[in-house]
Amino acid sequence: MAVRMLSPRELKLTAVQISVAAVLATAIGLLAGQRFPLFAPLTAVTLIQVLCAPHRRGLWLFLFGEVNGALVCTMFIPGFSTRHAFMNALVGAIVAVAVAIATTPRNPVRLINAAMEPVLTRLANNTRAVAAALRGGDTPAAGAAVFSLNDVEPELARLQEVLLQVRRSSLLTRLSGRDLSEYIVSARELGFAVRNIRTLARHAWWGVLRTGEPVPPALPQMLEALADGLAVLRDEIRKDGQPHEARPLLIAAGRWVDVMRAQPLSISAATVAASADAAVLDLLIATGVPVQDADQMLRRPSYS
């Protein structure tokens, strides 16, 4: 499996953490009267990677560094004793924990929500634009929505950076009693919804409007309901609240699929409807609904 390269922002944070931990550990070790306090910065640098490592190799790095560091210090530092090693390790551990806490987001939930907000805004605005274009037969407007959705990549990249930053501090976050797993799932499902909404926009523009295919009357209404759900979901996470009000709107969008099943659809129109339905499912899961429950909400017989 390929290893994701760190962004410049992430590399800068890692460099700052390592540098500050090493300098502080060395300085405190010298102030504490430790001669050659090489083991203190080694402990600080490796331990901070356990607490804040972007990958799960931190523990092995810590163990490898500590064992080799102890061997080097024993061989080349005169008078390096067990007590000396313990004091160095203690200084390094205290510094690592302090630096990790200082560089950990104070409100990771708000950080994730703030990164999701512009993505949801772009999706809501352009889904509504596609609905209006289908209703009015406005091919250029649909094309503009497609290109606008293509510009979501920097916002998704920023969201991925935030998720990595949160995962870097996941150990400290668990120690504070906060569970971020549901927010990470929400962000992941939002990425899936982006993919499906981009698909529906392309097919609405290039497949339905450009070729002059008939537009099923229910299709613009489905997309408008989806846009309403996206907008309410954005407003709810802006307040750091639970996205309960968005769920009924998303379910209402999904119900339009049953209406369109009774109508003759072209391949492009059917693709638009199917992609919108898939986006609804993704967004329901993003609001915290389990996968099976979300599917049941959209497929229950009473809605047929």
C-alpha atoms as a PDB file:
ATOM      1  CA  MET A   1       0.000   0.000   0.000  1.00  0.00           C
ATOM      2  CA  ALA A   2       1.343   3.403  -0.971  1.00  0.00           C
ATOM      3  CA  VAL A   3       2.331   5.778   1.808  1.00  0.00           C
ATOM      4  CA  ARG A   4       0.738   9.202   1.565  1.00  0.00           C
ATOM      5  CA  MET A   5       3.290  12.001   1.356  1.00  0.00           C
ATOM      6  CA  LEU A   6       3.012  14.725   3.955  1.00  0.00           C
ATOM      7  CA  SER A   7       1.928  18.159   2.784  1.00  0.00           C
ATOM      8  CA  PRO A   8       4.208  21.201   3.378  1.00  0.00           C
ATOM      9  CA  ARG A   9       1.955  22.227   6.274  1.00  0.00           C
ATOM     10  CA  GLU A  10       2.283  18.785   7.882  1.00  0.00           C
ATOM     11  CA  LEU A  11       6.038  18.660   7.304  1.00  0.00           C
ATOM     12  CA  LYS A  12       6.393  22.061   8.937  1.00  0.00           C
ATOM     13  CA  LEU A  13       4.412  20.937  11.996  1.00  0.00           C
ATOM     14  CA  THR A  14       6.487  17.765  12.318  1.00  0.00           C
ATOM     15  CA  ALA A  15       9.744  19.713  12.008  1.00  0.00           C
ATOM     16  CA  VAL A  16       8.625  22.212  14.646  1.00  0.00           C
ATOM     17  CA  GLN A  17       7.617  19.467  17.064  1.00  0.00           C
ATOM     18  CA  ILE A  18      10.892  17.574  16.678  1.00  0.00           C
ATOM     19  CA  SER A  19      13.086  20.678  16.853  1.00  0.00           C
ATOM     20  CA  VAL A  20      11.377  22.159  19.892  1.00  0.00           C
ATOM     21  CA  ALA A  21      11.378  18.822  21.718  1.00  0.00           C
ATOM     22  CA  ALA A  22      15.079  18.230  21.032  1.00  0.00           C
ATOM     23  CA  VAL A  23      16.179  21.736  22.057  1.00  0.00           C
ATOM     24  CA  LEU A  24      14.069  21.813  25.220  1.00  0.00           C
ATOM     25  CA  ALA A  25      15.136  18.350  26.322  1.00  0.00           C
ATOM     26  CA  THR A  26      18.814  19.187  25.838  1.00  0.00           C
ATOM     27  CA  ALA A  27      18.520  22.517  27.649  1.00  0.00           C
ATOM     28  CA  ILE A  28      16.596  21.065  30.600  1.00  0.00           C
ATOM     29  CA  GLY A  29      19.022  18.154  30.822  1.00  0.00           C
ATOM     30  CA  LEU A  30      21.975  20.562  31.039  1.00  0.00           C
ATOM     31  CA  LEU A  31      20.197  22.733  33.606  1.00  0.00           C
ATOM     32  CA  ALA A  32      19.487  19.625  35.674  1.00  0.00           C
ATOM     33  CA  GLY A  33      23.215  18.890  35.847  1.00  0.00           C
ATOM     34  CA  GLN A  34      23.248  16.022  33.387  1.00  0.00           C
ATOM     35  CA  ARG A  35      26.517  15.719  31.498  1.00  0.00           C
ATOM     36  CA  PHE A  36      26.110  14.827  27.828  1.00  0.00           C
ATOM     37  CA  PRO A  37      22.268  14.711  27.961  1.00  0.00           C
ATOM     38  CA  LEU A  38      22.012  13.057  24.554  1.00  0.00           C
ATOM     39  CA  PHE A  39      19.517  10.490  25.761  1.00  0.00           C
ATOM     40  CA  ALA A  40      17.015  13.207  26.778  1.00  0.00           C
ATOM     41  CA  PRO A  41      16.464  14.686  23.286  1.00  0.00           C
ATOM     42  CA  LEU A  42      16.501  11.203  21.782  1.00  0.00           C
ATOM     43  CA  THR A  43      13.693  10.185  24.128  1.00  0.00           C
ATOM     44  CA  ALA A  44      11.784  13.409  23.462  1.00  0.00           C
ATOM     45  CA  VAL A  45      11.985  13.130  19.673  1.00  0.00           C
ATOM     46  CA  THR A  46      11.029   9.469  19.511  1.00  0.00           C
ATOM     47  CA  LEU A  47       8.255   9.720  22.113  1.00  0.00           C
ATOM     48  CA  ILE A  48       6.626  12.673  20.395  1.00  0.00           C
ATOM     49  CA  GLN A  49       6.390  10.529  17.285  1.00  0.00           C
ATOM     50  CA  VAL A  50       4.478   7.942  19.295  1.00  0.00           C
ATOM     51  CA  LEU A  51       2.046  10.611  20.471  1.00  0.00           C
ATOM     52  CA  CYS A  52       1.756  12.529  17.204  1.00  0.00           C
ATOM     53  CA  ALA A  53       2.990  10.219  14.447  1.00  0.00           C
ATOM     54  CA  PRO A  54       1.069  10.618  11.179  1.00  0.00           C
ATOM     55  CA  HIS A  55       1.537   6.873  10.614  1.00  0.00           C
ATOM     56  CA  ARG A  56       1.284   3.969  13.014  1.00  0.00           C
ATOM     57  CA  ARG A  57       5.008   3.298  12.952  1.00  0.00           C
ATOM     58  CA  GLY A  58       5.614   5.591  15.916  1.00  0.00           C
ATOM     59  CA  LEU A  59       5.851   2.892  18.586  1.00  0.00           C
ATOM     60  CA  TRP A  60       8.411   0.879  16.638  1.00  0.00           C
ATOM     61  CA  LEU A  61      10.402   4.036  16.018  1.00  0.00           C
ATOM     62  CA  PHE A  62      10.347   4.791  19.732  1.00  0.00           C
ATOM     63  CA  LEU A  63      11.539   1.331  20.743  1.00  0.00           C
ATOM     64  CA  PHE A  64      14.226   1.215  18.057  1.00  0.00           C
ATOM     65  CA  GLY A  65      15.503   4.686  18.942  1.00  0.00           C
ATOM     66  CA  GLU A  66      15.544   4.060  22.675  1.00  0.00           C
ATOM     67  CA  VAL A  67      17.418   0.764  22.472  1.00  0.00           C
ATOM     68  CA  ASN A  68      20.007   2.084  20.040  1.00  0.00           C
ATOM     69  CA  GLY A  69      20.329   5.335  21.926  1.00  0.00           C
ATOM     70  CA  ALA A  70      20.964   3.527  25.181  1.00  0.00           C
ATOM     71  CA  LEU A  71      23.656   1.398  23.519  1.00  0.00           C
ATOM     72  CA  VAL A  72      25.385   4.433  21.997  1.00  0.00           C
ATOM     73  CA  CYS A  73      25.296   6.398  25.243  1.00  0.00           C
ATOM     74  CA  THR A  74      26.657   3.437  27.233  1.00  0.00           C
ATOM     75  CA  MET A  75      29.528   2.904  24.814  1.00  0.00           C
ATOM     76  CA  PHE A  76      30.658   6.479  24.173  1.00  0.00           C
ATOM     77  CA  ILE A  77      29.647   8.611  27.173  1.00  0.00           C
ATOM     78  CA  PRO A  78      31.916   8.243  30.221  1.00  0.00           C
ATOM     79  CA  GLY A  79      30.065   7.484  33.442  1.00  0.00           C
ATOM     80  CA  PHE A  80      26.724   6.886  31.751  1.00  0.00           C
ATOM     81  CA  SER A  81      24.833   4.911  34.395  1.00  0.00           C
ATOM     82  CA  THR A  82      21.358   3.540  34.842  1.00  0.00           C
ATOM     83  CA  ARG A  83      20.471   6.550  37.002  1.00  0.00           C
ATOM     84  CA  HIS A  84      21.829   8.863  34.302  1.00  0.00           C
ATOM     85  CA  ALA A  85      19.715   7.088  31.690  1.00  0.00           C
ATOM     86  CA  PHE A  86      16.601   7.262  33.862  1.00  0.00           C
ATOM     87  CA  MET A  87      16.962  11.010  34.470  1.00  0.00           C
ATOM     88  CA  ASN A  88      17.546  11.656  30.772  1.00  0.00           C
ATOM     89  CA  ALA A  89      14.540   9.543  29.811  1.00  0.00           C
ATOM     90  CA  LEU A  90      12.363  11.316  32.375  1.00  0.00           C
ATOM     91  CA  VAL A  91      13.340  14.745  31.057  1.00  0.00           C
ATOM     92  CA  GLY A  92      12.737  13.645  27.476  1.00  0.00           C
ATOM     93  CA  ALA A  93       9.354  12.128  28.290  1.00  0.00           C
ATOM     94  CA  ILE A  94       8.140  15.243  30.112  1.00  0.00           C
ATOM     95  CA  VAL A  95       9.252  17.477  27.256  1.00  0.00           C
ATOM     96  CA  ALA A  96       7.624  15.228  24.622  1.00  0.00           C
ATOM     97  CA  VAL A  97       4.269  15.199  26.393  1.00  0.00           C
ATOM     98  CA  ALA A  98       4.393  18.979  26.917  1.00  0.00           C
ATOM     99  CA  VAL A  99       5.211  19.701  23.265  1.00  0.00           C
ATOM    100  CA  ALA A 100       2.587  17.232  22.038  1.00  0.00           C
ATOM    101  CA  ILE A 101      -0.102  18.849  24.183  1.00  0.00           C
ATOM    102  CA  ALA A 102       0.960  22.344  23.103  1.00  0.00           C
ATOM    103  CA  THR A 103       0.692  21.433  19.406  1.00  0.00           C
ATOM    104  CA  THR A 104      -2.536  19.426  19.689  1.00  0.00           C
ATOM    105  CA  PRO A 105      -5.724  21.175  18.459  1.00  0.00           C
ATOM    106  CA  ARG A 106      -7.731  22.406  21.428  1.00  0.00           C
ATOM    107  CA  ASN A 107     -11.011  21.736  19.637  1.00  0.00           C
ATOM    108  CA  PRO A 108     -10.456  19.062  16.980  1.00  0.00           C
ATOM    109  CA  VAL A 109     -14.192  18.720  16.362  1.00  0.00           C
ATOM    110  CA  ARG A 110     -14.439  22.376  15.425  1.00  0.00           C
ATOM    111  CA  LEU A 111     -11.349  22.003  13.256  1.00  0.00           C
ATOM    112  CA  ILE A 112     -12.950  19.160  11.275  1.00  0.00           C
ATOM    113  CA  ASN A 113     -16.284  20.954  10.975  1.00  0.00           C
ATOM    114  CA  ALA A 114     -14.593  24.142   9.765  1.00  0.00           C
ATOM    115  CA  ALA A 115     -12.828  22.157   7.036  1.00  0.00           C
ATOM    116  CA  MET A 116     -16.085  20.430   5.995  1.00  0.00           C
ATOM    117  CA  GLU A 117     -18.099  23.649   5.800  1.00  0.00           C
ATOM    118  CA  PRO A 118     -16.710  25.053   2.508  1.00  0.00           C
ATOM    119  CA  VAL A 119     -17.066  21.645   0.862  1.00  0.00           C
ATOM    120  CA  LEU A 120     -20.733  21.455   1.856  1.00  0.00           C
ATOM    121  CA  THR A 121     -21.307  25.037   0.703  1.00  0.00           C
ATOM    122  CA  ARG A 122     -19.868  24.292  -2.736  1.00  0.00           C
ATOM    123  CA  LEU A 123     -21.925  21.097  -3.032  1.00  0.00           C
ATOM    124  CA  ALA A 124     -25.167  22.783  -1.969  1.00  0.00           C
ATOM    125  CA  ASN A 125     -24.753  25.773  -4.291  1.00  0.00           C
ATOM    126  CA  ASN A 126     -23.825  23.745  -7.344  1.00  0.00           C
ATOM    127  CA  THR A 127     -26.410  21.024  -6.796  1.00  0.00           C
ATOM    128  CA  ARG A 128     -29.029  23.778  -6.698  1.00  0.00           C
ATOM    129  CA  ALA A 129     -27.521  25.296  -9.832  1.00  0.00           C
ATOM    130  CA  VAL A 130     -27.758  21.974 -11.673  1.00  0.00           C
ATOM    131  CA  ALA A 131     -31.396  21.604 -10.591  1.00  0.00           C
ATOM    132  CA  ALA A 132     -32.187  25.077 -11.926  1.00  0.00           C
ATOM    133  CA  ALA A 133     -30.323  24.333 -15.162  1.00  0.00           C
ATOM    134  CA  LEU A 134     -32.322  21.130 -15.699  1.00  0.00           C
ATOM    135  CA  ARG A 135     -35.579  22.940 -15.037  1.00  0.00           C
ATOM    136  CA  GLY A 136     -34.743  25.819 -17.376  1.00  0.00           C
ATOM    137  CA  GLY A 137     -32.786  23.909 -20.008  1.00  0.00           C
ATOM    138  CA  ASP A 138     -29.721  26.067 -19.304  1.00  0.00           C
ATOM    139  CA  THR A 139     -26.754  24.085 -20.600  1.00  0.00           C
ATOM    140  CA  PRO A 140     -24.068  26.760 -19.901  1.00  0.00           C
ATOM    141  CA  ALA A 141     -25.220  27.054 -16.274  1.00  0.00           C
ATOM    142  CA  ALA A 142     -24.896  23.301 -15.815  1.00  0.00           C
ATOM    143  CA  GLY A 143     -21.414  23.411 -17.320  1.00  0.00           C
ATOM    144  CA  ALA A 144     -20.406  26.217 -14.946  1.00  0.00           C
ATOM    145  CA  ALA A 145     -21.579  24.077 -12.014  1.00  0.00           C
ATOM    146  CA  VAL A 146     -19.461  21.171 -13.256  1.00  0.00           C
ATOM    147  CA  PHE A 147     -16.334  23.344 -13.424  1.00  0.00           C
ATOM    148  CA  SER A 148     -17.064  24.806 -10.008  1.00  0.00           C
ATOM    149  CA  LEU A 149     -17.332  21.301  -8.552  1.00  0.00           C
ATOM    150  CA  ASN A 150     -13.980  20.462 -10.124  1.00  0.00           C
ATOM    151  CA  ASP A 151     -12.486  23.302  -8.058  1.00  0.00           C
ATOM    152  CA  VAL A 152     -13.374  21.490  -4.816  1.00  0.00           C
ATOM    153  CA  GLU A 153     -10.021  19.676  -4.815  1.00  0.00           C
ATOM    154  CA  PRO A 154      -8.122  22.225  -2.654  1.00  0.00           C
ATOM    155  CA  GLU A 155     -10.940  22.151  -0.110  1.00  0.00           C
ATOM    156  CA  LEU A 156     -10.866  18.354  -0.006  1.00  0.00           C
ATOM    157  CA  ALA A 157      -7.075  18.454   0.358  1.00  0.00           C
ATOM    158  CA  ARG A 158      -7.439  20.819   3.304  1.00  0.00           C
ATOM    159  CA  LEU A 159      -9.985  18.460   4.870  1.00  0.00           C
ATOM    160  CA  GLN A 160      -7.548  15.559   4.477  1.00  0.00           C
ATOM    161  CA  GLU A 161      -4.812  17.614   6.130  1.00  0.00           C
ATOM    162  CA  VAL A 162      -7.086  18.329   9.074  1.00  0.00           C
ATOM    163  CA  LEU A 163      -7.993  14.652   9.402  1.00  0.00           C
ATOM    164  CA  LEU A 164      -4.321  13.714   9.416  1.00  0.00           C
ATOM    165  CA  GLN A 165      -3.605  16.371  12.011  1.00  0.00           C
ATOM    166  CA  VAL A 166      -6.395  14.991  14.184  1.00  0.00           C
ATOM    167  CA  ARG A 167      -5.120  11.434  13.745  1.00  0.00           C
ATOM    168  CA  ARG A 168      -1.657  12.638  14.729  1.00  0.00           C
ATOM    169  CA  SER A 169      -3.092  13.681  18.078  1.00  0.00           C
ATOM    170  CA  SER A 170      -5.536  10.779  18.401  1.00  0.00           C
ATOM    171  CA  LEU A 171      -3.761   9.266  21.417  1.00  0.00           C
ATOM    172  CA  LEU A 172      -3.900  12.524  23.363  1.00  0.00           C
ATOM    173  CA  THR A 173      -7.487  13.034  22.256  1.00  0.00           C
ATOM    174  CA  ARG A 174      -8.479   9.597  23.575  1.00  0.00           C
ATOM    175  CA  LEU A 175      -6.772  10.362  26.863  1.00  0.00           C
ATOM    176  CA  SER A 176      -8.925  13.490  27.132  1.00  0.00           C
ATOM    177  CA  GLY A 177     -12.063  11.380  26.705  1.00  0.00           C
ATOM    178  CA  ARG A 178     -13.091  12.646  23.239  1.00  0.00           C
ATOM    179  CA  ASP A 179     -13.973  10.201  20.487  1.00  0.00           C
ATOM    180  CA  LEU A 180     -13.314  11.568  17.026  1.00  0.00           C
ATOM    181  CA  SER A 181     -13.992   8.400  15.064  1.00  0.00           C
ATOM    182  CA  GLU A 182     -17.502   9.471  14.043  1.00  0.00           C
ATOM    183  CA  TYR A 183     -16.205  12.792  12.739  1.00  0.00           C
ATOM    184  CA  ILE A 184     -13.523  11.032  10.715  1.00  0.00           C
ATOM    185  CA  VAL A 185     -16.220   8.771   9.226  1.00  0.00           C
ATOM    186  CA  SER A 186     -18.322  11.851   8.414  1.00  0.00           C
ATOM    187  CA  ALA A 187     -15.449  13.472   6.556  1.00  0.00           C
ATOM    188  CA  ARG A 188     -14.747  10.262   4.631  1.00  0.00           C
ATOM    189  CA  GLU A 189     -18.400   9.896   3.588  1.00  0.00           C
ATOM    190  CA  LEU A 190     -18.462  13.528   2.542  1.00  0.00           C
ATOM    191  CA  GLY A 191     -15.645  12.721   0.129  1.00  0.00           C
ATOM    192  CA  PHE A 192     -17.786   9.941  -1.356  1.00  0.00           C
ATOM    193  CA  ALA A 193     -20.717  12.361  -1.689  1.00  0.00           C
ATOM    194  CA  VAL A 194     -18.483  14.806  -3.561  1.00  0.00           C
ATOM    195  CA  ARG A 195     -17.631  12.113  -6.074  1.00  0.00           C
ATOM    196  CA  ASN A 196     -21.293  11.230  -6.667  1.00  0.00           C
ATOM    197  CA  ILE A 197     -22.454  14.842  -6.950  1.00  0.00           C
ATOM    198  CA  ARG A 198     -19.719  15.577  -9.461  1.00  0.00           C
ATOM    199  CA  THR A 199     -20.898  12.556 -11.457  1.00  0.00           C
ATOM    200  CA  LEU A 200     -24.527  13.688 -11.475  1.00  0.00           C
ATOM    201  CA  ALA A 201     -23.514  17.211 -12.522  1.00  0.00           C
ATOM    202  CA  ARG A 202     -21.436  15.949 -15.470  1.00  0.00           C
ATOM    203  CA  HIS A 203     -24.222  13.687 -16.728  1.00  0.00           C
ATOM    204  CA  ALA A 204     -26.857  16.399 -16.287  1.00  0.00           C
ATOM    205  CA  TRP A 205     -24.745  18.796 -18.335  1.00  0.00           C
ATOM    206  CA  TRP A 206     -23.132  16.603 -20.977  1.00  0.00           C
ATOM    207  CA  GLY A 207     -25.671  13.792 -21.168  1.00  0.00           C
ATOM    208  CA  VAL A 208     -29.094  15.356 -20.606  1.00  0.00           C
ATOM    209  CA  LEU A 209     -28.911  19.057 -21.477  1.00  0.00           C
ATOM    210  CA  ARG A 210     -26.286  19.049 -24.225  1.00  0.00           C
ATOM    211  CA  THR A 211     -28.101  16.344 -26.174  1.00  0.00           C
ATOM    212  CA  GLY A 212     -31.539  17.825 -25.559  1.00  0.00           C
ATOM    213  CA  GLU A 213     -32.916  14.801 -23.758  1.00  0.00           C
ATOM    214  CA  PRO A 214     -36.272  15.214 -21.978  1.00  0.00           C
ATOM    215  CA  VAL A 215     -35.871  16.084 -18.291  1.00  0.00           C
ATOM    216  CA  PRO A 216     -38.069  14.061 -15.917  1.00  0.00           C
ATOM    217  CA  PRO A 217     -40.084  16.564 -13.829  1.00  0.00           C
ATOM    218  CA  ALA A 218     -39.058  14.839 -10.605  1.00  0.00           C
ATOM    219  CA  LEU A 219     -35.321  15.117 -11.306  1.00  0.00           C
ATOM    220  CA  PRO A 220     -34.864  18.861 -10.578  1.00  0.00           C
ATOM    221  CA  GLN A 221     -37.034  18.473  -7.476  1.00  0.00           C
ATOM    222  CA  MET A 222     -34.821  15.640  -6.239  1.00  0.00           C
ATOM    223  CA  LEU A 223     -31.700  17.746  -6.704  1.00  0.00           C
ATOM    224  CA  GLU A 224     -33.284  20.745  -4.970  1.00  0.00           C
ATOM    225  CA  ALA A 225     -34.186  18.556  -1.990  1.00  0.00           C
ATOM    226  CA  LEU A 226     -30.606  17.276  -1.942  1.00  0.00           C
ATOM    227  CA  ALA A 227     -29.309  20.865  -2.027  1.00  0.00           C
ATOM    228  CA  ASP A 228     -31.593  21.752   0.893  1.00  0.00           C
ATOM    229  CA  GLY A 229     -30.214  18.825   2.895  1.00  0.00           C
ATOM    230  CA  LEU A 230     -26.643  19.878   2.139  1.00  0.00           C
ATOM    231  CA  ALA A 231     -27.309  23.472   3.179  1.00  0.00           C
ATOM    232  CA  VAL A 232     -28.952  22.476   6.457  1.00  0.00           C
ATOM    233  CA  LEU A 233     -26.167  19.997   7.181  1.00  0.00           C
ATOM    234  CA  ARG A 234     -23.636  22.787   6.664  1.00  0.00           C
ATOM    235  CA  ASP A 235     -25.533  25.107   8.994  1.00  0.00           C
ATOM    236  CA  GLU A 236     -25.752  22.441  11.675  1.00  0.00           C
ATOM    237  CA  ILE A 237     -22.051  21.612  11.694  1.00  0.00           C
ATOM    238  CA  ARG A 238     -21.275  25.347  11.653  1.00  0.00           C
ATOM    239  CA  LYS A 239     -22.913  25.422  15.086  1.00  0.00           C
ATOM    240  CA  ASP A 240     -21.007  22.251  16.125  1.00  0.00           C
ATOM    241  CA  GLY A 241     -24.367  20.579  16.633  1.00  0.00           C
ATOM    242  CA  GLN A 242     -25.718  17.151  15.798  1.00  0.00           C
ATOM    243  CA  PRO A 243     -26.983  17.007  12.183  1.00  0.00           C
ATOM    244  CA  HIS A 244     -30.493  15.778  12.988  1.00  0.00           C
ATOM    245  CA  GLU A 245     -32.460  18.338  10.971  1.00  0.00           C
ATOM    246  CA  ALA A 246     -30.636  17.502   7.748  1.00  0.00           C
ATOM    247  CA  ARG A 247     -31.657  13.841   7.815  1.00  0.00           C
ATOM    248  CA  PRO A 248     -35.369  14.275   6.949  1.00  0.00           C
ATOM    249  CA  LEU A 249     -34.441  16.533   4.039  1.00  0.00           C
ATOM    250  CA  LEU A 250     -31.941  14.000   2.723  1.00  0.00           C
ATOM    251  CA  ILE A 251     -34.475  11.187   3.053  1.00  0.00           C
ATOM    252  CA  ALA A 252     -37.015  13.328   1.197  1.00  0.00           C
ATOM    253  CA  ALA A 253     -34.496  13.719  -1.627  1.00  0.00           C
ATOM    254  CA  GLY A 254     -34.033   9.966  -1.782  1.00  0.00           C
ATOM    255  CA  ARG A 255     -37.779   9.350  -2.059  1.00  0.00           C
ATOM    256  CA  TRP A 256     -37.876  11.004  -5.475  1.00  0.00           C
ATOM    257  CA  VAL A 257     -36.108   7.944  -6.895  1.00  0.00           C
ATOM    258  CA  ASP A 258     -39.281   5.940  -6.351  1.00  0.00           C
ATOM    259  CA  VAL A 259     -41.240   8.542  -8.327  1.00  0.00           C
ATOM    260  CA  MET A 260     -38.803   8.373 -11.222  1.00  0.00           C
ATOM    261  CA  ARG A 261     -38.872   4.579 -11.326  1.00  0.00           C
ATOM    262  CA  ALA A 262     -42.387   4.850 -12.740  1.00  0.00           C
ATOM    263  CA  GLN A 263     -41.231   7.153 -15.548  1.00  0.00           C
ATOM    264  CA  PRO A 264     -39.281   6.358 -18.717  1.00  0.00           C
ATOM    265  CA  LEU A 265     -35.712   7.581 -18.212  1.00  0.00           C
ATOM    266  CA  SER A 266     -32.788   7.968 -20.556  1.00  0.00           C
ATOM    267  CA  ILE A 267     -29.462   6.506 -19.509  1.00  0.00           C
ATOM    268  CA  SER A 268     -28.098   9.941 -18.618  1.00  0.00           C
ATOM    269  CA  ALA A 269     -31.155  10.940 -16.572  1.00  0.00           C
ATOM    270  CA  ALA A 270     -31.065   7.600 -14.766  1.00  0.00           C
ATOM    271  CA  THR A 271     -27.379   8.144 -13.994  1.00  0.00           C
ATOM    272  CA  VAL A 272     -28.128  11.570 -12.539  1.00  0.00           C
ATOM    273  CA  ALA A 273     -30.852  10.111 -10.317  1.00  0.00           C
ATOM    274  CA  ALA A 274     -28.717   7.152  -9.242  1.00  0.00           C
ATOM    275  CA  SER A 275     -25.744   9.385  -8.406  1.00  0.00           C
ATOM    276  CA  ALA A 276     -27.979  11.703  -6.385  1.00  0.00           C
ATOM    277  CA  ASP A 277     -29.398   8.704  -4.541  1.00  0.00           C
ATOM    278  CA  ALA A 278     -25.877   7.446  -3.776  1.00  0.00           C
ATOM    279  CA  ALA A 279     -24.918  10.920  -2.508  1.00  0.00           C
ATOM    280  CA  VAL A 280     -27.959  10.902  -0.208  1.00  0.00           C
ATOM    281  CA  LEU A 281     -26.839   7.578   1.253  1.00  0.00           C
ATOM    282  CA  ASP A 282     -23.302   8.893   1.760  1.00  0.00           C
ATOM    283  CA  LEU A 283     -24.591  11.994   3.526  1.00  0.00           C
ATOM    284  CA  LEU A 284     -26.924  10.044   5.793  1.00  0.00           C
ATOM    285  CA  ILE A 285     -23.975   7.942   6.911  1.00  0.00           C
ATOM    286  CA  ALA A 286     -22.000  11.159   7.382  1.00  0.00           C
ATOM    287  CA  THR A 287     -24.673  12.369   9.822  1.00  0.00           C
ATOM    288  CA  GLY A 288     -24.047   9.336  12.012  1.00  0.00           C
ATOM    289  CA  VAL A 289     -26.660   6.907  10.681  1.00  0.00           C
ATOM    290  CA  PRO A 290     -25.326   3.323  10.450  1.00  0.00           C
ATOM    291  CA  VAL A 291     -25.016   1.988   6.918  1.00  0.00           C
ATOM    292  CA  GLN A 292     -27.826  -0.578   7.209  1.00  0.00           C
ATOM    293  CA  ASP A 293     -30.182   1.911   8.842  1.00  0.00           C
ATOM    294  CA  ALA A 294     -29.441   4.531   6.199  1.00  0.00           C
ATOM    295  CA  ASP A 295     -30.159   2.078   3.413  1.00  0.00           C
ATOM    296  CA  GLN A 296     -33.370   1.010   5.122  1.00  0.00           C
ATOM    297  CA  MET A 297     -34.501   4.633   5.449  1.00  0.00           C
ATOM    298  CA  LEU A 298     -34.250   5.023   1.698  1.00  0.00           C
ATOM    299  CA  ARG A 299     -35.629   1.619   0.712  1.00  0.00           C
ATOM    300  CA  ARG A 300     -38.434   0.919   3.228  1.00  0.00           C
ATOM    301  CA  PRO A 301     -41.688  -0.244   1.532  1.00  0.00           C
ATOM    302  CA  SER A 302     -43.749   2.619   3.004  1.00  0.00           C
ATOM    303  CA  TYR A 303     -41.819   5.041   0.821  1.00  0.00           C
ATOM    304  CA  SER A 304     -42.501   3.119  -2.397  1.00  0.00           C
END
